[in-house]
Amino acid sequence: SRFAKMSKFAFKALKELRIHYCQTSPASSGLREFVKANFAEMKKTNPALPIMVRECAGAAPKMTGRFDKGVEKTIGMTDMDEKSIISKLKEFS
């Protein structure tokens, strides 16, 4: 997978990563496929990082990172392909 190129990005500052998407909506298809193809490798690369995937009908695709002192950053992932998602993930590293 293309995520292998990303392994050098350690999410050292992240305390938690939450991924939300709809199981069926076209707007979530890129994020669904990204998770299916890359979740295991993300977890292997960041074994101590809680990575939670939430599927909910009608949910807008997004990733939320929680940092020190409860600071959170949410990035919308509507209609993004894998390359765009990987680029956005860099904002959490």
N, C-alpha and C. Protein backbone atom coordinates (compact mmCIF):
# COMPACT_ATOMS: atom_id res chain seq x y z
N SER A 1 0.83 -1.19 0.00
CA SER A 1 0.00 0.00 0.00
C SER A 1 0.87 1.25 0.00
N ARG A 2 0.27 2.34 -0.38
CA ARG A 2 1.01 3.61 -0.41
C ARG A 2 1.32 4.11 1.00
N PHE A 3 0.61 3.59 2.00
CA PHE A 3 0.86 4.03 3.37
C PHE A 3 2.27 3.66 3.81
N ALA A 4 2.86 2.64 3.20
CA ALA A 4 4.22 2.23 3.57
C ALA A 4 5.18 3.40 3.43
N LYS A 5 4.96 4.24 2.44
CA LYS A 5 5.80 5.42 2.25
C LYS A 5 5.64 6.39 3.41
N MET A 6 4.51 6.29 4.09
CA MET A 6 4.21 7.21 5.17
C MET A 6 4.75 6.75 6.51
N SER A 7 5.25 5.53 6.59
CA SER A 7 5.67 4.98 7.87
C SER A 7 6.67 5.87 8.59
N LYS A 8 7.41 6.64 7.83
CA LYS A 8 8.38 7.55 8.45
C LYS A 8 7.69 8.65 9.24
N PHE A 9 6.39 8.86 9.01
CA PHE A 9 5.64 9.86 9.76
C PHE A 9 5.15 9.24 11.05
N ALA A 10 5.84 9.52 12.12
CA ALA A 10 5.42 9.03 13.43
C ALA A 10 4.45 10.05 14.01
N PHE A 11 3.35 9.56 14.50
CA PHE A 11 2.35 10.44 15.09
C PHE A 11 2.67 10.66 16.56
N LYS A 12 3.85 11.18 16.85
CA LYS A 12 4.33 11.32 18.22
C LYS A 12 3.46 12.25 19.05
N ALA A 13 2.95 13.30 18.45
CA ALA A 13 2.16 14.27 19.21
C ALA A 13 0.72 13.81 19.42
N LEU A 14 0.25 12.87 18.60
CA LEU A 14 -1.13 12.42 18.70
C LEU A 14 -1.33 11.52 19.90
N LYS A 15 -2.45 11.71 20.59
CA LYS A 15 -2.83 10.85 21.70
C LYS A 15 -3.94 9.89 21.28
N GLU A 16 -4.66 10.25 20.21
CA GLU A 16 -5.78 9.42 19.74
C GLU A 16 -6.14 9.88 18.33
N LEU A 17 -6.53 8.93 17.49
CA LEU A 17 -7.01 9.24 16.14
C LEU A 17 -8.37 8.59 15.96
N ARG A 18 -9.36 9.42 15.60
CA ARG A 18 -10.71 8.91 15.36
C ARG A 18 -11.06 9.13 13.89
N ILE A 19 -11.60 8.08 13.28
CA ILE A 19 -11.97 8.11 11.87
C ILE A 19 -13.47 7.86 11.80
N HIS A 20 -14.19 8.76 11.15
CA HIS A 20 -15.64 8.63 11.00
C HIS A 20 -16.00 8.61 9.52
N TYR A 21 -16.94 7.73 9.17
CA TYR A 21 -17.45 7.73 7.80
C TYR A 21 -18.75 6.96 7.72
N CYS A 22 -19.45 7.16 6.61
CA CYS A 22 -20.69 6.44 6.31
C CYS A 22 -20.34 5.15 5.57
N GLN A 23 -21.03 4.07 5.89
CA GLN A 23 -20.76 2.79 5.25
C GLN A 23 -21.13 2.75 3.77
N THR A 24 -22.02 3.63 3.34
CA THR A 24 -22.53 3.52 1.97
C THR A 24 -22.40 4.77 1.11
N SER A 25 -22.20 5.93 1.68
CA SER A 25 -22.24 7.16 0.88
C SER A 25 -21.03 7.28 -0.05
N PRO A 26 -21.26 7.79 -1.26
CA PRO A 26 -20.15 8.01 -2.19
C PRO A 26 -19.10 8.99 -1.64
N ALA A 27 -19.52 9.96 -0.83
CA ALA A 27 -18.59 10.95 -0.27
C ALA A 27 -17.58 10.30 0.68
N SER A 28 -17.94 9.15 1.26
CA SER A 28 -17.06 8.44 2.19
C SER A 28 -16.26 7.33 1.53
N SER A 29 -16.47 7.07 0.26
CA SER A 29 -15.85 5.90 -0.37
C SER A 29 -14.33 5.92 -0.31
N GLY A 30 -13.72 7.06 -0.51
CA GLY A 30 -12.26 7.15 -0.46
C GLY A 30 -11.71 6.82 0.92
N LEU A 31 -12.35 7.35 1.96
CA LEU A 31 -11.90 7.09 3.32
C LEU A 31 -12.16 5.64 3.70
N ARG A 32 -13.29 5.08 3.28
CA ARG A 32 -13.57 3.66 3.54
C ARG A 32 -12.48 2.78 2.95
N GLU A 33 -12.15 3.04 1.69
CA GLU A 33 -11.11 2.24 1.01
C GLU A 33 -9.74 2.44 1.65
N PHE A 34 -9.45 3.67 2.05
CA PHE A 34 -8.18 3.96 2.71
C PHE A 34 -8.06 3.14 3.99
N VAL A 35 -9.11 3.13 4.80
CA VAL A 35 -9.08 2.39 6.06
C VAL A 35 -8.92 0.90 5.79
N LYS A 36 -9.68 0.40 4.82
CA LYS A 36 -9.61 -1.03 4.49
C LYS A 36 -8.20 -1.43 4.06
N ALA A 37 -7.55 -0.58 3.30
CA ALA A 37 -6.22 -0.90 2.76
C ALA A 37 -5.08 -0.61 3.73
N ASN A 38 -5.28 0.30 4.68
CA ASN A 38 -4.15 0.81 5.47
C ASN A 38 -4.27 0.71 6.99
N PHE A 39 -5.42 0.33 7.51
CA PHE A 39 -5.59 0.33 8.96
C PHE A 39 -4.55 -0.54 9.66
N ALA A 40 -4.35 -1.75 9.20
CA ALA A 40 -3.41 -2.67 9.86
C ALA A 40 -2.00 -2.08 9.91
N GLU A 41 -1.59 -1.48 8.81
CA GLU A 41 -0.25 -0.89 8.78
C GLU A 41 -0.15 0.36 9.66
N MET A 42 -1.22 1.15 9.70
CA MET A 42 -1.22 2.31 10.58
C MET A 42 -1.06 1.86 12.03
N LYS A 43 -1.77 0.81 12.40
CA LYS A 43 -1.73 0.32 13.77
C LYS A 43 -0.35 -0.28 14.08
N LYS A 44 0.21 -0.98 13.11
CA LYS A 44 1.53 -1.58 13.30
C LYS A 44 2.60 -0.50 13.46
N THR A 45 2.49 0.58 12.70
CA THR A 45 3.44 1.67 12.75
C THR A 45 3.30 2.48 14.04
N ASN A 46 2.09 2.54 14.57
CA ASN A 46 1.79 3.33 15.78
C ASN A 46 1.09 2.45 16.81
N PRO A 47 1.77 1.43 17.35
CA PRO A 47 1.09 0.45 18.21
C PRO A 47 0.48 1.02 19.49
N ALA A 48 1.03 2.09 20.02
CA ALA A 48 0.51 2.65 21.27
C ALA A 48 -0.60 3.68 21.05
N LEU A 49 -0.85 4.04 19.80
CA LEU A 49 -1.84 5.06 19.48
C LEU A 49 -3.23 4.44 19.33
N PRO A 50 -4.20 4.89 20.14
CA PRO A 50 -5.56 4.41 19.92
C PRO A 50 -6.08 4.96 18.58
N ILE A 51 -6.48 4.07 17.69
CA ILE A 51 -7.06 4.46 16.40
C ILE A 51 -8.46 3.85 16.36
N MET A 52 -9.47 4.71 16.38
CA MET A 52 -10.84 4.25 16.42
C MET A 52 -11.55 4.57 15.11
N VAL A 53 -12.24 3.58 14.59
CA VAL A 53 -13.00 3.75 13.36
C VAL A 53 -14.47 3.67 13.70
N ARG A 54 -15.21 4.69 13.32
CA ARG A 54 -16.65 4.75 13.59
C ARG A 54 -17.40 4.83 12.26
N GLU A 55 -18.28 3.88 12.05
CA GLU A 55 -19.16 3.90 10.88
C GLU A 55 -20.55 4.30 11.34
N CYS A 56 -21.14 5.24 10.64
CA CYS A 56 -22.47 5.71 11.01
C CYS A 56 -23.19 6.18 9.74
N ALA A 57 -24.40 5.69 9.54
CA ALA A 57 -25.17 6.07 8.36
C ALA A 57 -25.29 7.59 8.28
N GLY A 58 -24.91 8.14 7.14
CA GLY A 58 -25.03 9.56 6.90
C GLY A 58 -23.90 10.42 7.48
N ALA A 59 -22.93 9.80 8.14
CA ALA A 59 -21.84 10.57 8.74
C ALA A 59 -20.94 11.16 7.67
N ALA A 60 -20.51 12.38 7.88
CA ALA A 60 -19.55 13.01 6.97
C ALA A 60 -18.18 12.40 7.25
N PRO A 61 -17.42 12.07 6.19
CA PRO A 61 -16.10 11.48 6.41
C PRO A 61 -15.12 12.50 6.99
N LYS A 62 -14.46 12.10 8.08
CA LYS A 62 -13.51 13.00 8.72
C LYS A 62 -12.57 12.20 9.60
N MET A 63 -11.45 12.84 9.94
CA MET A 63 -10.52 12.31 10.92
C MET A 63 -10.32 13.39 11.98
N THR A 64 -10.30 12.93 13.22
CA THR A 64 -10.06 13.85 14.34
C THR A 64 -8.87 13.33 15.13
N GLY A 65 -7.92 14.20 15.34
CA GLY A 65 -6.76 13.86 16.15
C GLY A 65 -6.85 14.59 17.48
N ARG A 66 -6.56 13.87 18.56
CA ARG A 66 -6.51 14.49 19.88
C ARG A 66 -5.06 14.59 20.31
N PHE A 67 -4.66 15.76 20.76
CA PHE A 67 -3.29 16.03 21.16
C PHE A 67 -3.24 16.29 22.66
N ASP A 68 -2.08 16.70 23.16
CA ASP A 68 -1.92 17.04 24.57
C ASP A 68 -2.95 18.05 25.03
N LYS A 69 -3.31 17.98 26.29
CA LYS A 69 -4.22 18.92 26.94
C LYS A 69 -5.59 18.97 26.28
N GLY A 70 -5.99 17.87 25.63
CA GLY A 70 -7.32 17.78 25.05
C GLY A 70 -7.54 18.56 23.77
N VAL A 71 -6.48 19.11 23.21
CA VAL A 71 -6.60 19.86 21.95
C VAL A 71 -6.95 18.89 20.83
N GLU A 72 -7.96 19.24 20.05
CA GLU A 72 -8.38 18.38 18.94
C GLU A 72 -8.33 19.14 17.62
N LYS A 73 -8.06 18.38 16.56
CA LYS A 73 -8.07 18.93 15.20
C LYS A 73 -8.86 17.96 14.34
N THR A 74 -9.84 18.48 13.62
CA THR A 74 -10.66 17.65 12.73
C THR A 74 -10.41 18.07 11.29
N ILE A 75 -10.24 17.07 10.44
CA ILE A 75 -10.02 17.32 9.02
C ILE A 75 -11.11 16.59 8.23
N GLY A 76 -11.86 17.33 7.44
CA GLY A 76 -12.88 16.72 6.58
C GLY A 76 -12.24 15.92 5.47
N MET A 77 -12.84 14.80 5.12
CA MET A 77 -12.30 13.89 4.09
C MET A 77 -13.30 13.62 2.97
N THR A 78 -14.25 14.52 2.78
CA THR A 78 -15.30 14.32 1.78
C THR A 78 -14.71 14.19 0.38
N ASP A 79 -15.07 13.13 -0.30
CA ASP A 79 -14.69 12.87 -1.70
C ASP A 79 -13.18 12.81 -1.93
N MET A 80 -12.39 12.51 -0.91
CA MET A 80 -10.94 12.44 -1.08
C MET A 80 -10.50 11.05 -1.52
N ASP A 81 -9.45 11.03 -2.33
CA ASP A 81 -8.84 9.75 -2.72
C ASP A 81 -7.70 9.45 -1.74
N GLU A 82 -7.09 8.28 -1.90
CA GLU A 82 -6.04 7.85 -0.98
C GLU A 82 -4.87 8.83 -0.91
N LYS A 83 -4.45 9.33 -2.05
CA LYS A 83 -3.32 10.27 -2.09
C LYS A 83 -3.64 11.54 -1.29
N SER A 84 -4.84 12.05 -1.44
CA SER A 84 -5.25 13.24 -0.70
C SER A 84 -5.34 12.97 0.79
N ILE A 85 -5.83 11.79 1.16
CA ILE A 85 -5.95 11.42 2.57
C ILE A 85 -4.56 11.33 3.20
N ILE A 86 -3.63 10.70 2.52
CA ILE A 86 -2.26 10.59 3.03
C ILE A 86 -1.66 11.98 3.22
N SER A 87 -1.90 12.86 2.27
CA SER A 87 -1.40 14.23 2.39
C SER A 87 -1.99 14.92 3.62
N LYS A 88 -3.28 14.75 3.85
CA LYS A 88 -3.94 15.37 5.01
C LYS A 88 -3.46 14.76 6.32
N LEU A 89 -3.15 13.46 6.33
CA LEU A 89 -2.67 12.81 7.54
C LEU A 89 -1.36 13.42 8.04
N LYS A 90 -0.58 13.97 7.13
CA LYS A 90 0.68 14.61 7.52
C LYS A 90 0.44 15.75 8.50
N GLU A 91 -0.76 16.34 8.47
CA GLU A 91 -1.07 17.43 9.39
C GLU A 91 -1.13 16.96 10.84
N PHE A 92 -1.24 15.65 11.05
CA PHE A 92 -1.27 15.09 12.40
C PHE A 92 0.10 14.67 12.89
N SER A 93 1.10 14.70 12.02
CA SER A 93 2.42 14.21 12.44
C SER A 93 3.25 15.30 13.08
